Protein backbone atom coordinates (compact mmCIF):
# COMPACT_ATOMS: atom_id res chain seq x y z
CA MET A 1 0.00 -0.01 0.01
CA TYR A 2 1.22 3.45 -0.94
CA ASN A 3 0.86 6.86 0.61
CA ILE A 4 0.67 9.26 -2.36
CA ILE A 5 0.68 12.60 -1.27
CA LEU A 6 0.08 15.75 -4.03
CA LYS A 7 1.55 18.84 -2.53
CA ASN A 8 0.26 22.48 -3.30
CA ILE A 9 -2.96 20.92 -5.05
CA ASP A 10 -6.62 21.38 -4.01
CA ASN A 11 -8.24 18.96 -6.10
CA LYS A 12 -6.42 15.55 -6.32
CA TYR A 13 -9.29 13.98 -8.53
CA GLU A 14 -7.56 16.04 -11.45
CA TYR A 15 -4.75 13.84 -11.05
CA GLU A 16 -6.33 10.47 -10.27
CA GLU A 17 -7.20 9.26 -13.49
CA LEU A 18 -3.59 9.32 -14.41
CA ILE A 19 -2.62 7.47 -11.13
CA LYS A 20 -5.18 4.73 -11.57
CA ILE A 21 -3.60 3.71 -14.92
CA PHE A 22 -0.68 2.67 -12.99
CA LEU A 23 -1.88 1.78 -9.71
CA ASN A 24 -4.98 -0.35 -8.88
CA PRO A 25 -6.95 1.94 -6.22
CA ALA A 26 -6.64 -0.48 -3.74
CA ASP A 27 -3.13 -0.29 -3.45
CA TYR A 28 -2.80 3.32 -2.78
CA ARG A 29 -4.15 6.07 -0.46
CA LEU A 30 -4.24 9.59 -2.38
CA PHE A 31 -3.84 12.64 -0.12
CA THR A 32 -3.47 16.73 -0.54
CA ASP A 33 -1.61 18.63 1.83
CA ALA A 34 -4.61 19.37 4.10
CA GLU A 35 -4.92 15.61 4.48
CA SER A 36 -1.05 14.79 4.77
CA GLU A 37 -1.46 14.32 8.35
CA VAL A 38 -3.79 11.65 7.92
CA ALA A 39 -1.24 10.04 5.15
CA GLU A 40 1.48 10.23 8.18
CA GLU A 41 -0.98 7.85 10.58
CA HIS A 42 0.11 5.32 8.39
CA PRO A 43 3.53 3.92 7.94
CA GLU A 44 3.07 2.38 4.28
CA ALA A 45 5.55 3.57 1.47
CA THR A 46 5.15 7.36 1.02
CA ILE A 47 5.46 9.31 -2.40
CA VAL A 48 5.69 12.71 -2.33
CA PHE A 49 4.65 14.56 -6.05
CA ASN A 50 4.72 18.56 -7.15
CA LYS A 51 7.32 19.43 -4.07
CA ASN A 52 8.13 22.49 -6.36
CA ALA A 53 4.60 23.93 -6.58
CA HIS A 54 4.02 23.57 -10.33
CA ARG A 55 1.95 25.92 -11.61
CA ASP A 56 0.80 23.95 -15.02
CA LYS A 57 -0.98 20.77 -14.47
CA ASN A 58 0.97 19.02 -17.34
CA ASP A 59 4.10 19.78 -15.17
CA VAL A 60 2.41 17.74 -12.58
CA LYS A 61 1.28 15.00 -14.84
CA ARG A 62 4.86 14.50 -16.23
CA GLU A 63 6.00 14.22 -12.87
CA ILE A 64 3.62 11.24 -11.76
CA TYR A 65 4.06 9.66 -15.17
CA GLU A 66 7.69 9.24 -14.90
CA ASN A 67 7.84 8.13 -11.32
CA LEU A 68 4.83 6.00 -11.33
CA SER A 69 6.43 4.33 -14.67
CA ALA A 70 9.89 3.87 -12.95
CA LEU A 71 7.89 2.49 -10.04
CA THR A 72 5.72 -0.02 -12.15
CA GLY A 73 7.48 -0.56 -15.59
CA LYS A 74 4.37 0.60 -17.44
CA LYS A 75 4.65 3.10 -20.07
CA PRO A 76 0.95 3.71 -20.85
CA GLU A 77 0.88 4.85 -24.92
CA TRP A 78 -1.63 7.50 -24.32
CA GLY A 79 1.33 8.94 -22.01
CA ILE A 80 -0.21 11.92 -19.71
CA LEU A 81 -3.26 12.61 -21.57
CA THR A 82 -6.56 11.09 -19.72
CA GLY A 83 -9.28 13.12 -21.46
CA VAL A 84 -11.76 12.10 -23.55
CA ARG A 85 -11.19 13.78 -26.54
CA PRO A 86 -7.50 13.80 -27.61
CA VAL A 87 -8.20 14.32 -31.64
CA LYS A 88 -9.57 17.64 -30.26
CA LEU A 89 -6.62 18.66 -28.79
CA THR A 90 -4.82 17.67 -31.62
CA GLY A 91 -6.77 20.24 -33.57
CA GLU A 92 -6.27 22.95 -31.25
CA MET A 93 -2.34 22.23 -31.44
CA PHE A 94 -2.53 22.43 -35.27
CA ALA A 95 -4.53 25.63 -35.33
CA GLU A 96 -2.00 27.05 -33.21
CA ALA A 97 1.73 25.81 -34.67
CA GLY A 98 0.24 25.24 -38.56
CA ASP A 99 2.32 22.18 -38.70
CA TYR A 100 2.18 18.41 -38.46
CA ASP A 101 5.81 17.94 -37.35
CA ASN A 102 5.63 20.52 -34.64
CA VAL A 103 2.15 19.13 -33.16
CA ARG A 104 3.75 15.12 -33.52
CA ARG A 105 6.82 16.41 -31.91
CA ARG A 106 4.72 18.08 -28.66
CA LEU A 107 2.28 15.18 -28.37
CA GLN A 108 5.55 13.04 -28.33
CA GLN A 109 7.47 15.37 -26.02
CA ALA A 110 5.27 17.43 -24.03
CA TYR A 111 2.18 14.86 -23.54
CA PHE A 112 4.68 11.32 -23.70
CA LEU A 113 2.39 9.71 -26.36
CA HIS A 114 3.80 6.80 -27.92
CA PRO A 115 4.83 7.82 -31.56
CA ARG A 116 1.73 5.37 -33.16
CA LYS A 117 -0.47 6.98 -31.05
CA ALA A 118 0.67 10.61 -31.89
CA ASP A 119 0.68 9.20 -35.71
CA LEU A 120 -2.88 8.05 -35.32
CA LEU A 121 -4.14 11.40 -33.74
CA ILE A 122 -2.70 13.59 -36.71
CA GLU A 123 -3.96 10.95 -39.18
CA THR A 124 -7.43 10.76 -37.86
CA LEU A 125 -7.61 14.95 -37.47
CA GLN A 126 -6.47 15.06 -41.27
CA TYR A 127 -9.04 12.63 -42.35
CA GLN A 128 -11.84 15.11 -40.89
CA GLN A 129 -10.48 17.85 -42.10
CA ALA A 130 -10.53 16.42 -45.88
CA ASN A 131 -14.00 14.88 -45.56
CA VAL A 132 -15.88 16.29 -42.91
CA GLY A 133 -15.05 20.08 -42.68
CA LYS A 134 -16.09 22.80 -40.18
CA VAL A 135 -19.50 23.01 -38.89
CA PRO A 136 -21.67 25.32 -41.02
CA GLN A 137 -23.05 28.35 -39.94
CA ASP A 138 -26.43 27.97 -37.78
CA THR A 139 -26.08 24.32 -37.98
CA VAL A 140 -27.10 21.94 -34.86
CA GLY A 141 -26.83 18.18 -34.23
CA VAL A 142 -30.01 16.53 -32.98
CA TYR A 143 -29.92 13.07 -30.64
CA ILE A 144 -33.01 11.19 -29.70
CA GLY A 145 -32.53 8.32 -27.36
CA ILE A 146 -34.55 5.35 -26.78
CA PRO A 147 -33.65 3.37 -23.35
CA PHE A 148 -34.59 0.16 -24.19
CA CYS A 149 -32.77 -3.28 -25.15
CA PRO A 150 -34.36 -6.77 -25.35
CA THR A 151 -31.35 -7.70 -22.34
CA ARG A 152 -28.86 -5.84 -20.92
CA CYS A 153 -25.19 -6.57 -21.43
CA LEU A 154 -22.74 -7.57 -18.89
CA TYR A 155 -20.25 -4.33 -19.69
CA CYS A 156 -23.60 -1.98 -19.94
CA SER A 157 -23.61 1.54 -18.38
CA PHE A 158 -26.28 3.15 -20.74
CA ALA A 159 -29.72 3.83 -20.07
CA SER A 160 -31.36 0.85 -21.24
CA ASN A 161 -34.25 -0.92 -19.91
CA GLN A 162 -36.25 -4.22 -20.54
CA VAL A 163 -39.86 -2.72 -20.42
CA THR A 164 -43.35 -3.64 -21.45
CA ALA A 165 -45.16 -2.62 -24.63
CA ALA A 166 -47.45 -0.27 -22.67
CA ALA A 167 -44.32 1.12 -20.97
CA ALA A 168 -42.62 1.67 -24.02
CA GLU A 169 -45.78 3.39 -25.38
CA ARG A 170 -45.93 5.38 -22.23
CA TYR A 171 -42.49 6.95 -23.34
CA LEU A 172 -42.87 7.24 -26.72
CA GLN A 173 -45.96 9.45 -26.17
CA THR A 174 -43.91 11.50 -24.14
CA LEU A 175 -40.92 12.03 -26.31
CA LEU A 176 -42.89 12.95 -29.70
CA GLN A 177 -43.96 15.95 -27.41
CA GLU A 178 -40.57 16.79 -26.79
CA ILE A 179 -39.85 16.16 -30.51
CA ALA A 180 -42.49 18.54 -31.71
CA PHE A 181 -41.62 21.26 -29.35
CA CYS A 182 -37.88 21.03 -30.27
CA GLY A 183 -38.72 21.03 -34.19
CA ALA A 184 -40.49 24.09 -33.53
CA GLN A 185 -38.13 25.92 -31.49
CA MET A 186 -35.13 25.49 -33.99
CA HIS A 187 -37.36 26.71 -36.62
CA GLU A 188 -38.34 29.95 -34.64
CA LYS A 189 -34.71 30.25 -33.90
CA GLY A 190 -33.15 29.50 -37.42
CA MET A 191 -31.18 26.37 -36.28
CA ARG A 192 -30.88 23.85 -39.07
CA THR A 193 -30.57 20.12 -38.53
CA GLU A 194 -27.05 18.96 -39.92
CA SER A 195 -27.47 15.29 -38.77
CA LEU A 196 -29.77 13.56 -37.13
CA TYR A 197 -29.19 10.34 -34.65
CA ILE A 198 -31.49 8.03 -32.84
CA GLY A 199 -29.56 6.10 -30.32
CA GLY A 200 -30.16 4.18 -27.17
CA GLY A 201 -30.64 1.58 -25.75
CA THR A 202 -31.82 -0.18 -29.19
CA PRO A 203 -34.31 2.09 -30.89
CA THR A 204 -35.76 -0.73 -32.77
CA SER A 205 -36.78 -2.33 -29.58
CA LEU A 206 -39.94 -0.21 -30.49
CA ASN A 207 -42.50 -2.36 -32.40
CA GLU A 208 -43.41 -1.40 -36.09
CA SER A 209 -45.77 0.93 -35.24
CA GLN A 210 -44.10 2.87 -32.37
CA LEU A 211 -40.95 3.21 -35.20
CA GLN A 212 -43.34 4.53 -38.03
CA ARG A 213 -45.06 7.47 -35.64
CA LEU A 214 -41.34 8.32 -34.21
CA LEU A 215 -39.77 8.65 -37.31
CA GLU A 216 -42.95 10.52 -39.15
CA ALA A 217 -42.37 13.00 -36.14
CA VAL A 218 -38.77 13.65 -36.72
CA THR A 219 -39.33 14.08 -40.04
CA GLU A 220 -42.40 16.45 -39.45
CA SER A 221 -40.75 18.39 -37.17
CA PHE A 222 -37.47 19.09 -38.35
CA ASP A 223 -36.47 20.67 -41.61
CA MET A 224 -34.38 17.82 -43.52
CA SER A 225 -33.45 19.81 -45.97
CA ILE A 226 -29.94 20.06 -45.26
CA VAL A 227 -29.67 17.03 -43.66
CA ARG A 228 -25.98 15.22 -44.35
CA GLU A 229 -27.00 12.02 -42.61
CA PHE A 230 -29.54 10.45 -40.99
CA THR A 231 -28.83 7.38 -38.68
CA VAL A 232 -31.10 5.06 -36.59
CA GLU A 233 -29.24 1.89 -34.38
CA ALA A 234 -30.74 -1.02 -35.18
CA GLY A 235 -28.03 -2.84 -33.05
CA ARG A 236 -29.41 -5.51 -31.93
CA PRO A 237 -30.37 -8.57 -34.56
CA ASP A 238 -32.84 -9.68 -32.38
CA THR A 239 -34.92 -6.43 -32.52
CA ILE A 240 -34.58 -6.34 -36.57
CA ASN A 241 -36.98 -7.65 -39.38
CA LYS A 242 -37.93 -6.65 -42.77
CA GLU A 243 -41.07 -4.44 -42.05
CA LYS A 244 -38.71 -2.48 -39.32
CA LEU A 245 -36.13 -2.03 -42.29
CA ARG A 246 -38.61 -1.30 -45.02
CA ILE A 247 -40.02 1.36 -42.29
CA LEU A 248 -36.24 2.79 -41.70
CA HIS A 249 -35.58 2.87 -45.22
CA ASP A 250 -38.67 4.59 -46.58
CA MET A 251 -38.58 7.29 -44.09
CA GLY A 252 -35.23 8.27 -45.45
CA VAL A 253 -32.87 6.55 -42.80
CA ASP A 254 -29.34 6.33 -44.75
CA ARG A 255 -26.96 5.05 -42.23
CA ILE A 256 -28.04 1.88 -39.20
CA SER A 257 -25.87 -0.08 -36.91
CA ILE A 258 -25.92 -3.68 -36.42
CA ASN A 259 -24.02 -4.53 -33.51
CA PRO A 260 -22.31 -7.81 -32.71
CA GLN A 261 -19.50 -6.95 -30.07
CA SER A 262 -18.22 -10.14 -30.89
CA MET A 263 -18.84 -13.14 -33.59
CA LYS A 264 -18.30 -16.15 -31.11
CA ASP A 265 -21.29 -17.24 -29.66
CA LYS A 266 -19.73 -18.33 -26.01
CA THR A 267 -19.01 -14.93 -25.79
CA LEU A 268 -22.31 -13.40 -26.93
CA GLU A 269 -23.82 -15.86 -24.17
CA LEU A 270 -21.33 -14.75 -21.50
CA ILE A 271 -22.14 -10.98 -22.16
CA GLY A 272 -25.90 -11.28 -22.20
CA ARG A 273 -26.63 -10.86 -25.50
CA SER A 274 -29.72 -12.62 -26.91
CA HIS A 275 -28.53 -13.38 -30.29
CA SER A 276 -26.01 -15.57 -32.22
CA ALA A 277 -23.09 -14.55 -34.97
CA ALA A 278 -25.56 -16.22 -37.39
CA ASP A 279 -28.04 -13.75 -36.15
CA ILE A 280 -25.83 -10.97 -36.98
CA GLU A 281 -25.33 -12.38 -40.58
CA THR A 282 -28.86 -12.98 -41.35
CA ALA A 283 -29.73 -9.55 -39.36
CA TYR A 284 -26.86 -7.87 -42.34
CA LYS A 285 -27.99 -10.10 -45.48
CA LEU A 286 -31.72 -8.95 -44.60
CA ALA A 287 -30.55 -5.29 -44.32
CA ARG A 288 -28.41 -5.34 -47.99
CA GLU A 289 -31.57 -6.55 -49.65
CA THR A 290 -34.02 -3.95 -48.10
CA GLY A 291 -32.07 -0.60 -49.13
CA HIS A 292 -29.12 1.01 -50.02
CA TRP A 293 -27.39 2.24 -46.65
CA ILE A 294 -24.22 2.60 -44.79
CA ILE A 295 -23.86 0.09 -41.87
CA ASN A 296 -22.02 0.39 -38.96
CA CYS A 297 -21.18 -2.38 -36.46
CA ASP A 298 -19.18 -2.34 -32.77
CA VAL A 299 -16.85 -4.89 -31.35
CA ILE A 300 -15.36 -4.70 -28.42
CA ALA A 301 -11.55 -5.83 -27.46
CA GLY A 302 -11.01 -7.22 -24.05
CA LEU A 303 -14.31 -9.38 -23.68
CA PRO A 304 -14.43 -12.15 -21.15
CA GLU A 305 -12.63 -15.43 -22.30
CA GLU A 306 -11.80 -14.11 -25.27
CA ASP A 307 -7.67 -14.32 -26.77
CA VAL A 308 -6.30 -12.16 -29.82
CA GLU A 309 -7.51 -15.02 -32.36
CA ASP A 310 -10.91 -14.55 -31.27
CA PHE A 311 -10.83 -10.74 -31.60
CA THR A 312 -9.18 -11.26 -34.83
CA ALA A 313 -11.89 -13.90 -36.18
CA THR A 314 -14.23 -11.34 -35.47
CA ILE A 315 -12.61 -8.35 -37.41
CA ARG A 316 -11.77 -10.64 -40.10
CA ARG A 317 -15.37 -12.19 -40.84
CA LEU A 318 -16.88 -8.28 -40.23
CA THR A 319 -14.41 -6.78 -42.81
CA GLU A 320 -15.56 -9.77 -45.21
CA MET A 321 -19.18 -9.03 -44.62
CA GLN A 322 -18.35 -5.43 -46.13
CA PHE A 323 -19.41 -3.26 -43.40
CA GLU A 324 -18.91 0.43 -44.20
CA ASN A 325 -18.20 1.60 -40.80
CA ILE A 326 -16.22 -1.01 -37.75
CA THR A 327 -16.07 0.83 -34.36
CA VAL A 328 -13.46 -1.08 -32.55
CA HIS A 329 -14.41 -0.57 -28.65
CA THR A 330 -11.98 -1.28 -25.86
CA LEU A 331 -13.78 -2.93 -22.66
CA ALA A 332 -14.62 -0.22 -19.95
CA VAL A 333 -15.41 -1.24 -16.98
CA LYS A 334 -18.31 1.03 -15.77
CA ARG A 335 -19.49 1.85 -12.06
CA ALA A 336 -23.37 0.99 -13.23
CA SER A 337 -22.21 -1.94 -15.51
CA ARG A 338 -22.89 -5.79 -13.97
CA LEU A 339 -19.28 -6.73 -14.88
CA ILE A 340 -18.24 -4.39 -11.95
CA ASP A 341 -19.79 -6.33 -9.48
CA ILE A 342 -18.29 -9.31 -10.79
CA ASP A 343 -14.84 -8.32 -10.94
CA LYS A 344 -13.77 -4.61 -10.27
CA ASP A 345 -10.34 -5.13 -11.30
CA PHE A 346 -10.92 -6.89 -14.79
CA HIS A 347 -9.69 -3.94 -16.96
CA TYR A 348 -6.39 -4.24 -15.14
CA LYS A 349 -6.15 -7.75 -15.87
CA GLN A 350 -7.26 -7.49 -19.57
CA ALA A 351 -4.43 -4.43 -20.43
CA GLN A 352 -1.99 -7.27 -22.23
CA VAL A 353 -4.68 -9.08 -24.33
CA VAL A 354 -6.75 -5.94 -25.37
CA ARG A 355 -3.01 -4.19 -26.55
CA GLU A 356 -2.49 -7.41 -28.95
CA GLN A 357 -5.81 -7.48 -29.95
CA LEU A 358 -5.72 -3.80 -30.93
CA VAL A 359 -2.62 -4.00 -32.95
CA ALA A 360 -3.84 -7.52 -34.81
CA GLY A 361 -7.10 -5.77 -35.26
CA GLU A 362 -5.91 -2.61 -37.29
CA LYS A 363 -3.68 -5.18 -39.48
CA ILE A 364 -6.54 -6.65 -40.67
CA LEU A 365 -8.44 -3.47 -40.86
CA ARG A 366 -5.93 -1.33 -42.88
CA ALA A 367 -5.29 -4.31 -45.31
CA ALA A 368 -8.97 -4.26 -46.02
CA GLY A 369 -8.95 -0.50 -47.00
CA TYR A 370 -10.42 0.90 -43.64
CA VAL A 371 -8.77 4.22 -42.32
CA PRO A 372 -9.56 5.53 -38.67
CA TYR A 373 -12.00 8.86 -38.48
CA TYR A 374 -12.72 9.30 -35.05
CA LEU A 375 -11.30 8.16 -31.85
CA TYR A 376 -12.21 9.01 -28.07
CA ARG A 377 -11.02 7.74 -24.89
CA GLN A 378 -13.06 6.51 -21.43
CA LYS A 379 -12.56 6.12 -17.97
CA HIS A 380 -11.50 2.49 -16.50
CA MET A 381 -10.99 1.40 -20.14
CA ALA A 382 -8.56 -1.97 -20.42
CA GLY A 383 -4.83 -1.01 -20.84
CA ALA A 384 -5.96 2.73 -20.78
CA PHE A 385 -6.40 2.58 -24.63
CA GLU A 386 -9.12 3.97 -26.62
CA ASN A 387 -12.37 3.71 -28.87
CA ILE A 388 -11.65 4.15 -32.97
CA GLY A 389 -14.29 4.46 -35.63
CA TRP A 390 -12.93 2.77 -38.48
CA CYS A 391 -14.53 3.31 -42.13
CA LYS A 392 -14.21 2.59 -45.61
CA PRO A 393 -13.31 6.10 -47.40
CA GLY A 394 -16.43 8.45 -47.71
CA THR A 395 -18.66 6.57 -45.51
CA GLU A 396 -17.54 8.28 -42.04
CA SER A 397 -20.30 9.40 -39.84
CA VAL A 398 -20.71 13.27 -39.88
CA TYR A 399 -22.49 12.96 -35.95
CA ASN A 400 -19.70 10.86 -34.46
CA VAL A 401 -17.11 13.49 -35.48
CA ARG A 402 -19.13 16.45 -34.20
CA ILE A 403 -19.64 14.93 -30.69
CA MET A 404 -16.06 14.53 -30.27
CA GLU A 405 -14.99 17.69 -31.90
CA GLU A 406 -17.36 19.82 -29.51
CA ALA A 407 -17.87 22.97 -32.03
CA GLN A 408 -21.45 22.32 -32.47
CA THR A 409 -24.48 22.26 -30.65
CA ILE A 410 -26.16 19.00 -29.91
CA ILE A 411 -29.75 19.12 -28.75
CA ALA A 412 -30.78 16.08 -27.04
CA LEU A 413 -34.09 14.68 -26.58
CA GLY A 414 -35.64 11.53 -24.57
CA ALA A 415 -34.34 10.02 -21.26
CA GLY A 416 -31.00 10.28 -20.61
CA GLY A 417 -30.45 12.96 -23.42
CA ILE A 418 -27.93 15.53 -22.67
CA SER A 419 -27.94 18.85 -24.69
CA LYS A 420 -24.50 20.39 -25.26
CA VAL A 421 -25.13 24.08 -26.54
CA TYR A 422 -21.84 25.65 -27.83
CA TYR A 423 -20.70 29.22 -27.65
CA PRO A 424 -18.24 30.05 -30.23
CA ASP A 425 -17.35 33.41 -28.97
CA GLU A 426 -15.97 31.73 -25.72
CA ASN A 427 -15.51 28.24 -27.24
CA ARG A 428 -17.08 26.59 -24.71
CA LEU A 429 -20.22 24.07 -24.14
CA GLU A 430 -22.89 24.39 -21.67
CA ARG A 431 -24.57 20.65 -20.83
CA VAL A 432 -28.60 20.68 -20.42
CA PRO A 433 -29.38 17.25 -19.50
CA ASN A 434 -32.50 15.36 -19.07
CA VAL A 435 -33.16 12.91 -16.39
CA THR A 436 -31.75 9.28 -16.81
CA ASN A 437 -34.75 7.38 -15.71
CA TYR A 438 -37.23 6.94 -18.39
CA GLU A 439 -40.45 6.72 -15.72
CA ILE A 440 -38.81 10.01 -13.86
CA TYR A 441 -38.32 11.56 -17.36
CA ILE A 442 -42.20 11.09 -18.09
CA GLU A 443 -43.42 12.57 -14.57
CA ARG A 444 -40.78 15.72 -15.05
CA PHE A 445 -41.58 16.30 -18.61
CA ASP A 446 -42.31 20.20 -18.06
CA GLU A 447 -39.38 20.46 -16.02
CA MET A 448 -37.29 19.14 -19.18
CA LEU A 449 -39.00 21.36 -21.92
CA LYS A 450 -38.40 24.33 -19.46
CA ARG A 451 -34.61 23.42 -19.26
CA LYS A 452 -34.50 23.45 -23.03
CA GLU A 453 -36.40 26.81 -23.32
CA ASN A 454 -34.34 28.67 -20.57
CA HIS A 455 -31.04 27.26 -21.87
CA ILE A 456 -31.05 26.46 -25.37
CA PHE A 457 -33.81 28.37 -26.99
CA GLN A 458 -33.94 31.73 -25.21
CA GLU A 459 -30.32 32.08 -25.62
CA GLU A 460 -28.58 34.32 -28.30
CA LYS A 461 -28.02 31.69 -31.33
CA THR A 462 -24.98 29.75 -30.17
CA CYS A 463 -24.65 27.44 -33.31
């Protein structure tokens, strides 16, 4: 057990995410100056950081990285970066430096990134600049959440529920009112919709009638004239049928997701998916027969009992099936997941296998013609790695890029939706959340509308 004391620092939690990459929380206690007397009561080994009272947080992080790396032998490839959006940081550095060589050098020298991570960030940023471009004036992204799934996966931390048809109907009736309200307000304020994204949960867990009414409300309420993409997550193959796909296609949806997470049946059973790998192939074939759209799939590195061969077999099969987008997630053990109750240290144990899975998977993806187009990171990820969206050139998701670059207002509807209002003059976001629980969302619906009215639609135009 180590006692770690952060000198001349008030908020120790700004640095704990970096410390947790090196040390399991069970192996240390973290103290500030004000708490150092408590630390002295414990005779365990003591490590003191920031004796020199650095004012720059990154100086403190570099000191932590170098010392804990020497102590543990670990050299995390993302260096001192612990934020969610490293591509955004890379873009800001490029805007300042105007030269990618300088950006690459700074990422490696100032942030301690492994060269391949620095190159990955620059490659991703360059693709976004060339293919997505800047945010058009007065545009917003719209997100609509359907917080229902057939089952809850082992690792899931999202707002997803298993509910009756009657409960889903009550939720939908309320959501349709929020859609109408936001559409009218956006029209009045001159906010144009660049992208529409219906996610969850699993939106296709709605029945055919409900799905039809939802999409009709969306297309009637929002100006579709400049929409670059209209996405619906149909992630679970056990919620997909020909009629639902026909409805999606006829209502103008041009992007869908069919998400296996793994193509190994034993893994699917372990993580609580109610489908097989064969069901993924059947749903994919049905989607191809129904419409011309871009199809995304999600996979996860680090799933229980999977080795490198299991993971690469999944990646290889998905590239053979010709999904246009393949998003490779690194397993994250979140507080709201069932997995943390089973093994809170699971992500620490998976670091090495995940590293090997990601390297092997990338080779297959690149050989099949996929390129990285967006990237983000989360807390508690195995090996402190990343999530990467890979695409066939020209099939990237605008919404995914916009949500990560944080330079556009995103209006989020439904339970768990967090609107992010962008103020360009100040280059900042203000969060306007809906409550997460779908039943409370229904009960407090008037309050949800009031929040949007006060914090989005009564402000000066922010987009």
